[in-house]
PDB file of all heavy atoms in Angstrom:
ATOM      1  N   PRO A   1       8.662  -3.786   8.087  1.00  0.00           N
ATOM      2  CA  PRO A   1       8.080  -4.121   9.395  1.00  0.00           C
ATOM      3  C   PRO A   1       6.557  -3.976   9.433  1.00  0.00           C
ATOM      4  O   PRO A   1       5.890  -4.704  10.168  1.00  0.00           O
ATOM      5  CB  PRO A   1       8.751  -3.128  10.353  1.00  0.00           C
ATOM      6  CG  PRO A   1      10.035  -2.768   9.692  1.00  0.00           C
ATOM      7  CD  PRO A   1       9.723  -2.780   8.212  1.00  0.00           C
ATOM      8  N   VAL A   2       6.012  -3.083   8.650  1.00  0.00           N
ATOM      9  CA  VAL A   2       4.554  -2.919   8.582  1.00  0.00           C
ATOM     10  C   VAL A   2       3.935  -4.061   7.785  1.00  0.00           C
ATOM     11  O   VAL A   2       3.006  -4.725   8.239  1.00  0.00           O
ATOM     12  CB  VAL A   2       4.173  -1.555   7.963  1.00  0.00           C
ATOM     13  CG1 VAL A   2       2.672  -1.483   7.692  1.00  0.00           C
ATOM     14  CG2 VAL A   2       4.601  -0.425   8.878  1.00  0.00           C
ATOM     15  N   VAL A   3       4.453  -4.316   6.582  1.00  0.00           N
ATOM     16  CA  VAL A   3       3.808  -5.303   5.714  1.00  0.00           C
ATOM     17  C   VAL A   3       4.002  -6.738   6.181  1.00  0.00           C
ATOM     18  O   VAL A   3       3.225  -7.613   5.809  1.00  0.00           O
ATOM     19  CB  VAL A   3       4.209  -5.163   4.232  1.00  0.00           C
ATOM     20  CG1 VAL A   3       3.827  -3.815   3.684  1.00  0.00           C
ATOM     21  CG2 VAL A   3       5.667  -5.445   4.006  1.00  0.00           C
ATOM     22  N   GLU A   4       4.996  -6.986   7.026  1.00  0.00           N
ATOM     23  CA  GLU A   4       5.187  -8.351   7.527  1.00  0.00           C
ATOM     24  C   GLU A   4       3.951  -8.875   8.241  1.00  0.00           C
ATOM     25  O   GLU A   4       3.716 -10.079   8.255  1.00  0.00           O
ATOM     26  CB  GLU A   4       6.403  -8.415   8.453  1.00  0.00           C
ATOM     27  CG  GLU A   4       7.708  -8.422   7.712  1.00  0.00           C
ATOM     28  CD  GLU A   4       8.918  -8.459   8.627  1.00  0.00           C
ATOM     29  OE1 GLU A   4       8.871  -7.846   9.711  1.00  0.00           O
ATOM     30  OE2 GLU A   4       9.906  -9.113   8.241  1.00  0.00           O
ATOM     31  N   LYS A   5       3.153  -7.998   8.801  1.00  0.00           N
ATOM     32  CA  LYS A   5       1.921  -8.421   9.478  1.00  0.00           C
ATOM     33  C   LYS A   5       0.945  -9.066   8.491  1.00  0.00           C
ATOM     34  O   LYS A   5       0.111  -9.875   8.881  1.00  0.00           O
ATOM     35  CB  LYS A   5       1.285  -7.237  10.193  1.00  0.00           C
ATOM     36  CG  LYS A   5       2.142  -6.716  11.336  1.00  0.00           C
ATOM     37  CD  LYS A   5       1.561  -5.445  11.933  1.00  0.00           C
ATOM     38  CE  LYS A   5       2.443  -4.877  13.001  1.00  0.00           C
ATOM     39  NZ  LYS A   5       3.522  -4.041  12.491  1.00  0.00           N
ATOM     40  N   ALA A   6       1.050  -8.723   7.233  1.00  0.00           N
ATOM     41  CA  ALA A   6       0.200  -9.345   6.216  1.00  0.00           C
ATOM     42  C   ALA A   6       0.638 -10.778   5.916  1.00  0.00           C
ATOM     43  O   ALA A   6      -0.199 -11.639   5.617  1.00  0.00           O
ATOM     44  CB  ALA A   6       0.223  -8.520   4.923  1.00  0.00           C
ATOM     45  N   PHE A   7       1.913 -11.038   6.013  1.00  0.00           N
ATOM     46  CA  PHE A   7       2.441 -12.356   5.643  1.00  0.00           C
ATOM     47  C   PHE A   7       1.850 -13.470   6.491  1.00  0.00           C
ATOM     48  O   PHE A   7       1.529 -14.550   5.982  1.00  0.00           O
ATOM     49  CB  PHE A   7       3.967 -12.385   5.728  1.00  0.00           C
ATOM     50  CG  PHE A   7       4.671 -11.331   4.914  1.00  0.00           C
ATOM     51  CD1 PHE A   7       5.988 -11.022   5.179  1.00  0.00           C
ATOM     52  CD2 PHE A   7       4.026 -10.646   3.893  1.00  0.00           C
ATOM     53  CE1 PHE A   7       6.657 -10.052   4.438  1.00  0.00           C
ATOM     54  CE2 PHE A   7       4.681  -9.669   3.155  1.00  0.00           C
ATOM     55  CZ  PHE A   7       6.003  -9.376   3.430  1.00  0.00           C
ATOM     56  N   SER A   8       1.694 -13.224   7.787  1.00  0.00           N
ATOM     57  CA  SER A   8       1.137 -14.267   8.657  1.00  0.00           C
ATOM     58  C   SER A   8      -0.334 -14.521   8.326  1.00  0.00           C
ATOM     59  O   SER A   8      -0.811 -15.655   8.445  1.00  0.00           O
ATOM     60  CB  SER A   8       1.312 -13.907  10.128  1.00  0.00           C
ATOM     61  OG  SER A   8       0.669 -12.686  10.418  1.00  0.00           O
ATOM     62  N   VAL A   9      -1.047 -13.495   7.901  1.00  0.00           N
ATOM     63  CA  VAL A   9      -2.447 -13.685   7.490  1.00  0.00           C
ATOM     64  C   VAL A   9      -2.493 -14.549   6.241  1.00  0.00           C
ATOM     65  O   VAL A   9      -3.280 -15.499   6.159  1.00  0.00           O
ATOM     66  CB  VAL A   9      -3.151 -12.329   7.262  1.00  0.00           C
ATOM     67  CG1 VAL A   9      -4.544 -12.527   6.673  1.00  0.00           C
ATOM     68  CG2 VAL A   9      -3.231 -11.538   8.561  1.00  0.00           C
ATOM     69  N   PHE A  10      -1.660 -14.241   5.269  1.00  0.00           N
ATOM     70  CA  PHE A  10      -1.637 -15.058   4.051  1.00  0.00           C
ATOM     71  C   PHE A  10      -1.265 -16.500   4.372  1.00  0.00           C
ATOM     72  O   PHE A  10      -1.856 -17.437   3.831  1.00  0.00           O
ATOM     73  CB  PHE A  10      -0.674 -14.472   3.018  1.00  0.00           C
ATOM     74  CG  PHE A  10      -1.120 -13.156   2.455  1.00  0.00           C
ATOM     75  CD1 PHE A  10      -0.222 -12.118   2.314  1.00  0.00           C
ATOM     76  CD2 PHE A  10      -2.433 -12.941   2.066  1.00  0.00           C
ATOM     77  CE1 PHE A  10      -0.622 -10.897   1.791  1.00  0.00           C
ATOM     78  CE2 PHE A  10      -2.856 -11.732   1.552  1.00  0.00           C
ATOM     79  CZ  PHE A  10      -1.936 -10.705   1.415  1.00  0.00           C
ATOM     80  N   ALA A  11      -0.302 -16.688   5.264  1.00  0.00           N
ATOM     81  CA  ALA A  11       0.096 -18.046   5.660  1.00  0.00           C
ATOM     82  C   ALA A  11      -1.058 -18.772   6.337  1.00  0.00           C
ATOM     83  O   ALA A  11      -1.305 -19.950   6.062  1.00  0.00           O
ATOM     84  CB  ALA A  11       1.312 -17.988   6.573  1.00  0.00           C
ATOM     85  N   GLU A  12      -1.776 -18.076   7.217  1.00  0.00           N
ATOM     86  CA  GLU A  12      -2.908 -18.675   7.931  1.00  0.00           C
ATOM     87  C   GLU A  12      -3.973 -19.192   6.966  1.00  0.00           C
ATOM     88  O   GLU A  12      -4.574 -20.242   7.199  1.00  0.00           O
ATOM     89  CB  GLU A  12      -3.519 -17.628   8.869  1.00  0.00           C
ATOM     90  CG  GLU A  12      -4.741 -18.094   9.627  1.00  0.00           C
ATOM     91  CD  GLU A  12      -5.356 -16.990  10.480  1.00  0.00           C
ATOM     92  OE1 GLU A  12      -4.723 -15.940  10.676  1.00  0.00           O
ATOM     93  OE2 GLU A  12      -6.493 -17.200  10.952  1.00  0.00           O
ATOM     94  N   TYR A  13      -4.200 -18.465   5.894  1.00  0.00           N
ATOM     95  CA  TYR A  13      -5.226 -18.851   4.934  1.00  0.00           C
ATOM     96  C   TYR A  13      -4.681 -19.627   3.736  1.00  0.00           C
ATOM     97  O   TYR A  13      -5.438 -20.024   2.852  1.00  0.00           O
ATOM     98  CB  TYR A  13      -5.991 -17.610   4.452  1.00  0.00           C
ATOM     99  CG  TYR A  13      -6.901 -17.069   5.518  1.00  0.00           C
ATOM    100  CD1 TYR A  13      -6.475 -16.080   6.392  1.00  0.00           C
ATOM    101  CD2 TYR A  13      -8.181 -17.584   5.684  1.00  0.00           C
ATOM    102  CE1 TYR A  13      -7.297 -15.604   7.400  1.00  0.00           C
ATOM    103  CE2 TYR A  13      -9.001 -17.114   6.692  1.00  0.00           C
ATOM    104  CZ  TYR A  13      -8.564 -16.133   7.541  1.00  0.00           C
ATOM    105  OH  TYR A  13      -9.381 -15.666   8.535  1.00  0.00           O
ATOM    106  N   GLY A  14      -3.385 -19.855   3.708  1.00  0.00           N
ATOM    107  CA  GLY A  14      -2.784 -20.613   2.619  1.00  0.00           C
ATOM    108  C   GLY A  14      -2.791 -19.876   1.291  1.00  0.00           C
ATOM    109  O   GLY A  14      -2.848 -20.502   0.232  1.00  0.00           O
ATOM    110  N   VAL A  15      -2.705 -18.564   1.340  1.00  0.00           N
ATOM    111  CA  VAL A  15      -2.732 -17.752   0.124  1.00  0.00           C
ATOM    112  C   VAL A  15      -1.297 -17.446  -0.305  1.00  0.00           C
ATOM    113  O   VAL A  15      -0.521 -16.876   0.475  1.00  0.00           O
ATOM    114  CB  VAL A  15      -3.509 -16.438   0.357  1.00  0.00           C
ATOM    115  CG1 VAL A  15      -3.370 -15.490  -0.817  1.00  0.00           C
ATOM    116  CG2 VAL A  15      -4.975 -16.744   0.634  1.00  0.00           C
ATOM    117  N   PRO A  16      -0.952 -17.810  -1.529  1.00  0.00           N
ATOM    118  CA  PRO A  16       0.395 -17.499  -2.007  1.00  0.00           C
ATOM    119  C   PRO A  16       0.547 -16.001  -2.258  1.00  0.00           C
ATOM    120  O   PRO A  16      -0.406 -15.333  -2.653  1.00  0.00           O
ATOM    121  CB  PRO A  16       0.507 -18.290  -3.307  1.00  0.00           C
ATOM    122  CG  PRO A  16      -0.887 -18.517  -3.758  1.00  0.00           C
ATOM    123  CD  PRO A  16      -1.748 -18.536  -2.525  1.00  0.00           C
ATOM    124  N   TYR A  17       1.753 -15.495  -2.027  1.00  0.00           N
ATOM    125  CA  TYR A  17       1.999 -14.074  -2.239  1.00  0.00           C
ATOM    126  C   TYR A  17       3.443 -13.855  -2.664  1.00  0.00           C
ATOM    127  O   TYR A  17       4.307 -14.704  -2.450  1.00  0.00           O
ATOM    128  CB  TYR A  17       1.685 -13.265  -0.973  1.00  0.00           C
ATOM    129  CG  TYR A  17       2.549 -13.600   0.208  1.00  0.00           C
ATOM    130  CD1 TYR A  17       3.686 -12.849   0.502  1.00  0.00           C
ATOM    131  CD2 TYR A  17       2.249 -14.673   1.044  1.00  0.00           C
ATOM    132  CE1 TYR A  17       4.496 -13.163   1.588  1.00  0.00           C
ATOM    133  CE2 TYR A  17       3.042 -14.982   2.134  1.00  0.00           C
ATOM    134  CZ  TYR A  17       4.166 -14.227   2.393  1.00  0.00           C
ATOM    135  OH  TYR A  17       4.967 -14.545   3.473  1.00  0.00           O
ATOM    136  N   GLU A  18       3.667 -12.733  -3.279  1.00  0.00           N
ATOM    137  CA  GLU A  18       5.009 -12.283  -3.638  1.00  0.00           C
ATOM    138  C   GLU A  18       5.197 -10.899  -3.057  1.00  0.00           C
ATOM    139  O   GLU A  18       4.248 -10.125  -2.970  1.00  0.00           O
ATOM    140  CB  GLU A  18       5.188 -12.194  -5.155  1.00  0.00           C
ATOM    141  CG  GLU A  18       5.298 -13.503  -5.855  1.00  0.00           C
ATOM    142  CD  GLU A  18       5.582 -13.351  -7.350  1.00  0.00           C
ATOM    143  OE1 GLU A  18       5.965 -12.233  -7.798  1.00  0.00           O
ATOM    144  OE2 GLU A  18       5.408 -14.338  -8.064  1.00  0.00           O
ATOM    145  N   VAL A  19       6.433 -10.582  -2.708  1.00  0.00           N
ATOM    146  CA  VAL A  19       6.756  -9.284  -2.130  1.00  0.00           C
ATOM    147  C   VAL A  19       7.801  -8.605  -3.018  1.00  0.00           C
ATOM    148  O   VAL A  19       8.788  -9.231  -3.408  1.00  0.00           O
ATOM    149  CB  VAL A  19       7.321  -9.434  -0.701  1.00  0.00           C
ATOM    150  CG1 VAL A  19       7.571  -8.076  -0.074  1.00  0.00           C
ATOM    151  CG2 VAL A  19       6.390 -10.270   0.162  1.00  0.00           C
ATOM    152  N   HIS A  20       7.545  -7.322  -3.325  1.00  0.00           N
ATOM    153  CA  HIS A  20       8.465  -6.548  -4.164  1.00  0.00           C
ATOM    154  C   HIS A  20       8.595  -5.135  -3.620  1.00  0.00           C
ATOM    155  O   HIS A  20       7.719  -4.647  -2.909  1.00  0.00           O
ATOM    156  CB  HIS A  20       7.949  -6.471  -5.604  1.00  0.00           C
ATOM    157  CG  HIS A  20       7.814  -7.802  -6.260  1.00  0.00           C
ATOM    158  ND1 HIS A  20       8.865  -8.449  -6.852  1.00  0.00           N
ATOM    159  CD2 HIS A  20       6.741  -8.623  -6.400  1.00  0.00           C
ATOM    160  CE1 HIS A  20       8.445  -9.612  -7.352  1.00  0.00           C
ATOM    161  NE2 HIS A  20       7.158  -9.740  -7.074  1.00  0.00           N
ATOM    162  N   VAL A  21       9.686  -4.475  -3.984  1.00  0.00           N
ATOM    163  CA  VAL A  21       9.886  -3.056  -3.689  1.00  0.00           C
ATOM    164  C   VAL A  21       9.903  -2.314  -5.017  1.00  0.00           C
ATOM    165  O   VAL A  21      10.799  -2.531  -5.847  1.00  0.00           O
ATOM    166  CB  VAL A  21      11.202  -2.802  -2.925  1.00  0.00           C
ATOM    167  CG1 VAL A  21      11.409  -1.309  -2.692  1.00  0.00           C
ATOM    168  CG2 VAL A  21      11.226  -3.558  -1.615  1.00  0.00           C
ATOM    169  N   TYR A  22       8.884  -1.480  -5.228  1.00  0.00           N
ATOM    170  CA  TYR A  22       8.806  -0.593  -6.392  1.00  0.00           C
ATOM    171  C   TYR A  22       8.313   0.753  -5.886  1.00  0.00           C
ATOM    172  O   TYR A  22       7.359   0.810  -5.109  1.00  0.00           O
ATOM    173  CB  TYR A  22       7.821  -1.105  -7.446  1.00  0.00           C
ATOM    174  CG  TYR A  22       8.224  -2.402  -8.094  1.00  0.00           C
ATOM    175  CD1 TYR A  22       7.383  -3.506  -8.051  1.00  0.00           C
ATOM    176  CD2 TYR A  22       9.440  -2.533  -8.753  1.00  0.00           C
ATOM    177  CE1 TYR A  22       7.731  -4.708  -8.650  1.00  0.00           C
ATOM    178  CE2 TYR A  22       9.802  -3.734  -9.348  1.00  0.00           C
ATOM    179  CZ  TYR A  22       8.941  -4.809  -9.297  1.00  0.00           C
ATOM    180  OH  TYR A  22       9.300  -5.995  -9.889  1.00  0.00           O
ATOM    181  N   SER A  23       8.935   1.792  -6.333  1.00  0.00           N
ATOM    182  CA  SER A  23       8.555   3.129  -5.908  1.00  0.00           C
ATOM    183  C   SER A  23       7.792   3.834  -7.021  1.00  0.00           C
ATOM    184  O   SER A  23       8.220   3.808  -8.179  1.00  0.00           O
ATOM    185  CB  SER A  23       9.813   3.932  -5.555  1.00  0.00           C
ATOM    186  OG  SER A  23       9.512   5.300  -5.403  1.00  0.00           O
ATOM    187  N   ALA A  24       6.691   4.488  -6.652  1.00  0.00           N
ATOM    188  CA  ALA A  24       5.934   5.276  -7.637  1.00  0.00           C
ATOM    189  C   ALA A  24       6.777   6.424  -8.167  1.00  0.00           C
ATOM    190  O   ALA A  24       6.575   6.869  -9.298  1.00  0.00           O
ATOM    191  CB  ALA A  24       4.656   5.813  -6.999  1.00  0.00           C
ATOM    192  N   HIS A  25       7.744   6.877  -7.370  1.00  0.00           N
ATOM    193  CA  HIS A  25       8.536   8.041  -7.751  1.00  0.00           C
ATOM    194  C   HIS A  25       9.928   7.688  -8.256  1.00  0.00           C
ATOM    195  O   HIS A  25      10.435   8.347  -9.164  1.00  0.00           O
ATOM    196  CB  HIS A  25       8.669   8.993  -6.548  1.00  0.00           C
ATOM    197  CG  HIS A  25       7.341   9.420  -6.024  1.00  0.00           C
ATOM    198  ND1 HIS A  25       6.840   8.963  -4.830  1.00  0.00           N
ATOM    199  CD2 HIS A  25       6.390  10.226  -6.547  1.00  0.00           C
ATOM    200  CE1 HIS A  25       5.649   9.487  -4.630  1.00  0.00           C
ATOM    201  NE2 HIS A  25       5.345  10.253  -5.651  1.00  0.00           N
ATOM    202  N   ARG A  26      10.544   6.662  -7.687  1.00  0.00           N
ATOM    203  CA  ARG A  26      11.921   6.331  -8.061  1.00  0.00           C
ATOM    204  C   ARG A  26      12.017   5.222  -9.108  1.00  0.00           C
ATOM    205  O   ARG A  26      13.020   5.148  -9.828  1.00  0.00           O
ATOM    206  CB  ARG A  26      12.717   5.974  -6.810  1.00  0.00           C
ATOM    207  CG  ARG A  26      12.883   7.167  -5.869  1.00  0.00           C
ATOM    208  CD  ARG A  26      13.678   6.811  -4.626  1.00  0.00           C
ATOM    209  NE  ARG A  26      13.006   5.815  -3.804  1.00  0.00           N
ATOM    210  CZ  ARG A  26      12.171   6.089  -2.805  1.00  0.00           C
ATOM    211  NH1 ARG A  26      11.888   7.335  -2.509  1.00  0.00           N
ATOM    212  NH2 ARG A  26      11.618   5.128  -2.102  1.00  0.00           N
ATOM    213  N   THR A  27      11.002   4.358  -9.194  1.00  0.00           N
ATOM    214  CA  THR A  27      10.999   3.302 -10.220  1.00  0.00           C
ATOM    215  C   THR A  27       9.611   3.236 -10.870  1.00  0.00           C
ATOM    216  O   THR A  27       8.958   2.185 -10.862  1.00  0.00           O
ATOM    217  CB  THR A  27      11.380   1.924  -9.623  1.00  0.00           C
ATOM    218  OG1 THR A  27      10.428   1.595  -8.595  1.00  0.00           O
ATOM    219  CG2 THR A  27      12.792   1.919  -9.070  1.00  0.00           C
ATOM    220  N   PRO A  28       9.142   4.334 -11.441  1.00  0.00           N
ATOM    221  CA  PRO A  28       7.774   4.344 -11.980  1.00  0.00           C
ATOM    222  C   PRO A  28       7.564   3.365 -13.133  1.00  0.00           C
ATOM    223  O   PRO A  28       6.480   2.785 -13.245  1.00  0.00           O
ATOM    224  CB  PRO A  28       7.575   5.795 -12.424  1.00  0.00           C
ATOM    225  CG  PRO A  28       8.945   6.326 -12.635  1.00  0.00           C
ATOM    226  CD  PRO A  28       9.809   5.611 -11.630  1.00  0.00           C
ATOM    227  N   GLU A  29       8.560   3.162 -13.954  1.00  0.00           N
ATOM    228  CA  GLU A  29       8.402   2.243 -15.084  1.00  0.00           C
ATOM    229  C   GLU A  29       8.284   0.796 -14.618  1.00  0.00           C
ATOM    230  O   GLU A  29       7.473   0.032 -15.138  1.00  0.00           O
ATOM    231  CB  GLU A  29       9.556   2.404 -16.082  1.00  0.00           C
ATOM    232  CG  GLU A  29       9.496   3.709 -16.843  1.00  0.00           C
ATOM    233  CD  GLU A  29       8.176   3.901 -17.592  1.00  0.00           C
ATOM    234  OE1 GLU A  29       7.705   2.967 -18.255  1.00  0.00           O
ATOM    235  OE2 GLU A  29       7.592   5.005 -17.470  1.00  0.00           O
ATOM    236  N   GLU A  30       9.071   0.435 -13.633  1.00  0.00           N
ATOM    237  CA  GLU A  30       8.999  -0.924 -13.101  1.00  0.00           C
ATOM    238  C   GLU A  30       7.668  -1.161 -12.385  1.00  0.00           C
ATOM    239  O   GLU A  30       7.070  -2.236 -12.523  1.00  0.00           O
ATOM    240  CB  GLU A  30      10.174  -1.183 -12.148  1.00  0.00           C
ATOM    241  CG  GLU A  30      11.515  -1.274 -12.831  1.00  0.00           C
ATOM    242  CD  GLU A  30      12.169   0.067 -13.159  1.00  0.00           C
ATOM    243  OE1 GLU A  30      11.573   1.140 -12.871  1.00  0.00           O
ATOM    244  OE2 GLU A  30      13.274   0.048 -13.712  1.00  0.00           O
ATOM    245  N   ALA A  31       7.201  -0.171 -11.637  1.00  0.00           N
ATOM    246  CA  ALA A  31       5.902  -0.285 -10.959  1.00  0.00           C
ATOM    247  C   ALA A  31       4.787  -0.433 -11.983  1.00  0.00           C
ATOM    248  O   ALA A  31       3.902  -1.276 -11.837  1.00  0.00           O
ATOM    249  CB  ALA A  31       5.659   0.934 -10.065  1.00  0.00           C
TER     250      ALA A  31
END
């Protein structure tokens, strides 16, 4: 719910983006 506010900004400026869930503590290798 917090980061969704960024998506509309990227859309407004036509900037492509990807969204992922990685945890510094629970998935440190993937991050």
